[in-house]
Amino acid sequence: MERLRKIWLFYYEGFRGMSSLGRTLWVVVLLKLFIMFAILRVFFFQPALSDCATDAEKSRTVIENLTK
């Protein structure tokens, strides 16, 4: 438990002492990650196997997409 506290304090002090440029860069990184994983995934990467009811249909769909 003490080790987790030391790790937490290490990162907490590091972020607290960060310059405004560093904070801005972290905001940009987190915003880009949010856009990539939340927004793009919802609109562009729809689950291809969601319309398949059985495992046989899923495997057939995967085989057809791999052999194209």
N, C-alpha and C. Protein backbone atom coordinates (compact mmCIF):
# COMPACT_ATOMS: atom_id res chain seq x y z
N MET A 1 0.83 -1.19 0.00
CA MET A 1 0.00 0.00 0.00
C MET A 1 0.88 1.26 0.00
N GLU A 2 1.97 1.20 0.69
CA GLU A 2 2.90 2.34 0.74
C GLU A 2 3.51 2.60 -0.63
N ARG A 3 3.75 1.53 -1.37
CA ARG A 3 4.32 1.68 -2.72
C ARG A 3 3.35 2.42 -3.63
N LEU A 4 2.05 2.10 -3.54
CA LEU A 4 1.06 2.80 -4.36
C LEU A 4 0.98 4.27 -3.99
N ARG A 5 1.12 4.57 -2.72
CA ARG A 5 1.10 5.97 -2.27
C ARG A 5 2.30 6.73 -2.83
N LYS A 6 3.46 6.10 -2.83
CA LYS A 6 4.65 6.75 -3.38
C LYS A 6 4.51 6.99 -4.88
N ILE A 7 3.95 6.02 -5.59
CA ILE A 7 3.73 6.18 -7.03
C ILE A 7 2.75 7.32 -7.29
N TRP A 8 1.66 7.35 -6.52
CA TRP A 8 0.68 8.42 -6.67
C TRP A 8 1.31 9.78 -6.42
N LEU A 9 2.09 9.91 -5.35
CA LEU A 9 2.72 11.19 -5.03
C LEU A 9 3.74 11.60 -6.10
N PHE A 10 4.43 10.64 -6.66
CA PHE A 10 5.39 10.92 -7.73
C PHE A 10 4.69 11.59 -8.91
N TYR A 11 3.60 11.00 -9.38
CA TYR A 11 2.89 11.56 -10.52
C TYR A 11 2.15 12.85 -10.15
N TYR A 12 1.59 12.90 -8.95
CA TYR A 12 0.87 14.08 -8.51
C TYR A 12 1.80 15.29 -8.45
N GLU A 13 2.95 15.12 -7.85
CA GLU A 13 3.91 16.22 -7.76
C GLU A 13 4.44 16.59 -9.15
N GLY A 14 4.64 15.63 -10.00
CA GLY A 14 5.11 15.91 -11.35
C GLY A 14 4.13 16.73 -12.16
N PHE A 15 2.85 16.37 -12.10
CA PHE A 15 1.85 17.13 -12.83
C PHE A 15 1.59 18.48 -12.20
N ARG A 16 1.69 18.56 -10.89
CA ARG A 16 1.45 19.82 -10.20
C ARG A 16 2.55 20.83 -10.52
N GLY A 17 3.76 20.36 -10.65
CA GLY A 17 4.87 21.25 -10.94
C GLY A 17 5.11 21.48 -12.42
N MET A 18 4.24 21.00 -13.25
CA MET A 18 4.42 21.11 -14.69
C MET A 18 4.15 22.54 -15.16
N SER A 19 4.86 22.95 -16.20
CA SER A 19 4.65 24.29 -16.76
C SER A 19 3.34 24.33 -17.53
N SER A 20 2.96 25.52 -17.94
CA SER A 20 1.70 25.66 -18.67
C SER A 20 1.80 25.00 -20.05
N LEU A 21 2.98 25.00 -20.65
CA LEU A 21 3.15 24.32 -21.94
C LEU A 21 2.94 22.82 -21.79
N GLY A 22 3.48 22.23 -20.74
CA GLY A 22 3.31 20.80 -20.50
C GLY A 22 1.86 20.43 -20.28
N ARG A 23 1.15 21.26 -19.53
CA ARG A 23 -0.29 21.00 -19.30
C ARG A 23 -1.07 21.10 -20.59
N THR A 24 -0.74 22.08 -21.41
CA THR A 24 -1.42 22.24 -22.69
C THR A 24 -1.17 21.02 -23.58
N LEU A 25 0.05 20.53 -23.60
CA LEU A 25 0.36 19.36 -24.42
C LEU A 25 -0.40 18.13 -23.92
N TRP A 26 -0.51 17.96 -22.60
CA TRP A 26 -1.27 16.84 -22.07
C TRP A 26 -2.75 16.95 -22.42
N VAL A 27 -3.28 18.16 -22.41
CA VAL A 27 -4.68 18.35 -22.81
C VAL A 27 -4.87 17.96 -24.27
N VAL A 28 -3.94 18.34 -25.12
CA VAL A 28 -4.02 17.99 -26.55
C VAL A 28 -3.94 16.47 -26.72
N VAL A 29 -3.04 15.82 -26.01
CA VAL A 29 -2.90 14.36 -26.11
C VAL A 29 -4.19 13.67 -25.66
N LEU A 30 -4.74 14.08 -24.53
CA LEU A 30 -5.96 13.46 -24.02
C LEU A 30 -7.15 13.72 -24.94
N LEU A 31 -7.21 14.91 -25.51
CA LEU A 31 -8.28 15.23 -26.45
C LEU A 31 -8.19 14.37 -27.71
N LYS A 32 -6.97 14.19 -28.23
CA LYS A 32 -6.80 13.34 -29.41
C LYS A 32 -7.17 11.89 -29.11
N LEU A 33 -6.78 11.39 -27.94
CA LEU A 33 -7.16 10.02 -27.57
C LEU A 33 -8.66 9.87 -27.46
N PHE A 34 -9.32 10.85 -26.88
CA PHE A 34 -10.78 10.80 -26.78
C PHE A 34 -11.41 10.77 -28.17
N ILE A 35 -10.93 11.63 -29.06
CA ILE A 35 -11.48 11.66 -30.42
C ILE A 35 -11.25 10.32 -31.11
N MET A 36 -10.05 9.76 -30.98
CA MET A 36 -9.74 8.51 -31.68
C MET A 36 -10.58 7.35 -31.17
N PHE A 37 -10.70 7.22 -29.85
CA PHE A 37 -11.34 6.03 -29.31
C PHE A 37 -12.83 6.18 -29.09
N ALA A 38 -13.32 7.36 -28.86
CA ALA A 38 -14.75 7.52 -28.58
C ALA A 38 -15.53 7.90 -29.83
N ILE A 39 -15.10 8.93 -30.50
CA ILE A 39 -15.89 9.45 -31.61
C ILE A 39 -15.68 8.65 -32.88
N LEU A 40 -14.43 8.44 -33.28
CA LEU A 40 -14.18 7.72 -34.53
C LEU A 40 -14.67 6.28 -34.48
N ARG A 41 -14.53 5.65 -33.33
CA ARG A 41 -14.96 4.25 -33.21
C ARG A 41 -16.47 4.14 -33.38
N VAL A 42 -17.21 5.08 -32.85
CA VAL A 42 -18.67 5.03 -32.94
C VAL A 42 -19.14 5.21 -34.37
N PHE A 43 -18.53 6.16 -35.10
CA PHE A 43 -19.05 6.49 -36.42
C PHE A 43 -18.42 5.71 -37.56
N PHE A 44 -17.16 5.31 -37.44
CA PHE A 44 -16.48 4.70 -38.57
C PHE A 44 -16.18 3.22 -38.40
N PHE A 45 -16.08 2.74 -37.21
CA PHE A 45 -15.69 1.35 -36.98
C PHE A 45 -16.82 0.59 -36.31
N GLN A 46 -17.89 0.40 -37.05
CA GLN A 46 -19.04 -0.33 -36.53
C GLN A 46 -18.67 -1.80 -36.39
N PRO A 47 -19.18 -2.47 -35.38
CA PRO A 47 -18.91 -3.90 -35.22
C PRO A 47 -19.47 -4.69 -36.40
N ALA A 48 -18.61 -5.42 -37.07
CA ALA A 48 -19.01 -6.14 -38.28
C ALA A 48 -19.80 -7.40 -37.96
N LEU A 49 -19.65 -7.92 -36.77
CA LEU A 49 -20.30 -9.18 -36.43
C LEU A 49 -21.57 -8.99 -35.60
N SER A 50 -22.03 -7.76 -35.44
CA SER A 50 -23.20 -7.53 -34.59
C SER A 50 -24.49 -8.05 -35.22
N ASP A 51 -24.53 -8.17 -36.55
CA ASP A 51 -25.74 -8.65 -37.20
C ASP A 51 -25.78 -10.17 -37.33
N CYS A 52 -24.72 -10.84 -36.92
CA CYS A 52 -24.68 -12.31 -36.97
C CYS A 52 -25.27 -12.88 -35.69
N ALA A 53 -26.17 -13.85 -35.85
CA ALA A 53 -26.86 -14.40 -34.70
C ALA A 53 -26.10 -15.57 -34.07
N THR A 54 -25.49 -16.41 -34.89
CA THR A 54 -24.84 -17.61 -34.35
C THR A 54 -23.34 -17.55 -34.58
N ASP A 55 -22.64 -18.46 -33.92
CA ASP A 55 -21.19 -18.53 -34.10
C ASP A 55 -20.83 -18.98 -35.51
N ALA A 56 -21.68 -19.81 -36.11
CA ALA A 56 -21.41 -20.27 -37.48
C ALA A 56 -21.47 -19.10 -38.46
N GLU A 57 -22.43 -18.21 -38.28
CA GLU A 57 -22.53 -17.04 -39.15
C GLU A 57 -21.33 -16.12 -38.95
N LYS A 58 -20.91 -15.96 -37.71
CA LYS A 58 -19.76 -15.11 -37.41
C LYS A 58 -18.50 -15.66 -38.07
N SER A 59 -18.31 -16.98 -37.94
CA SER A 59 -17.10 -17.56 -38.54
C SER A 59 -17.15 -17.48 -40.06
N ARG A 60 -18.31 -17.66 -40.64
CA ARG A 60 -18.45 -17.55 -42.09
C ARG A 60 -18.14 -16.12 -42.56
N THR A 61 -18.61 -15.13 -41.82
CA THR A 61 -18.35 -13.73 -42.16
C THR A 61 -16.86 -13.42 -42.06
N VAL A 62 -16.21 -13.92 -41.03
CA VAL A 62 -14.77 -13.69 -40.86
C VAL A 62 -14.00 -14.34 -42.00
N ILE A 63 -14.33 -15.56 -42.35
CA ILE A 63 -13.64 -16.25 -43.44
C ILE A 63 -13.83 -15.53 -44.76
N GLU A 64 -15.06 -15.06 -45.02
CA GLU A 64 -15.31 -14.34 -46.27
C GLU A 64 -14.50 -13.03 -46.32
N ASN A 65 -14.40 -12.32 -45.20
CA ASN A 65 -13.64 -11.07 -45.21
C ASN A 65 -12.14 -11.30 -45.30
N LEU A 66 -11.65 -12.39 -44.78
CA LEU A 66 -10.23 -12.68 -44.85
C LEU A 66 -9.80 -13.14 -46.22
N THR A 67 -10.69 -13.82 -46.94
CA THR A 67 -10.32 -14.35 -48.25
C THR A 67 -10.59 -13.39 -49.40
N LYS A 68 -11.15 -12.23 -49.12
CA LYS A 68 -11.39 -11.25 -50.19
C LYS A 68 -10.11 -10.61 -50.64
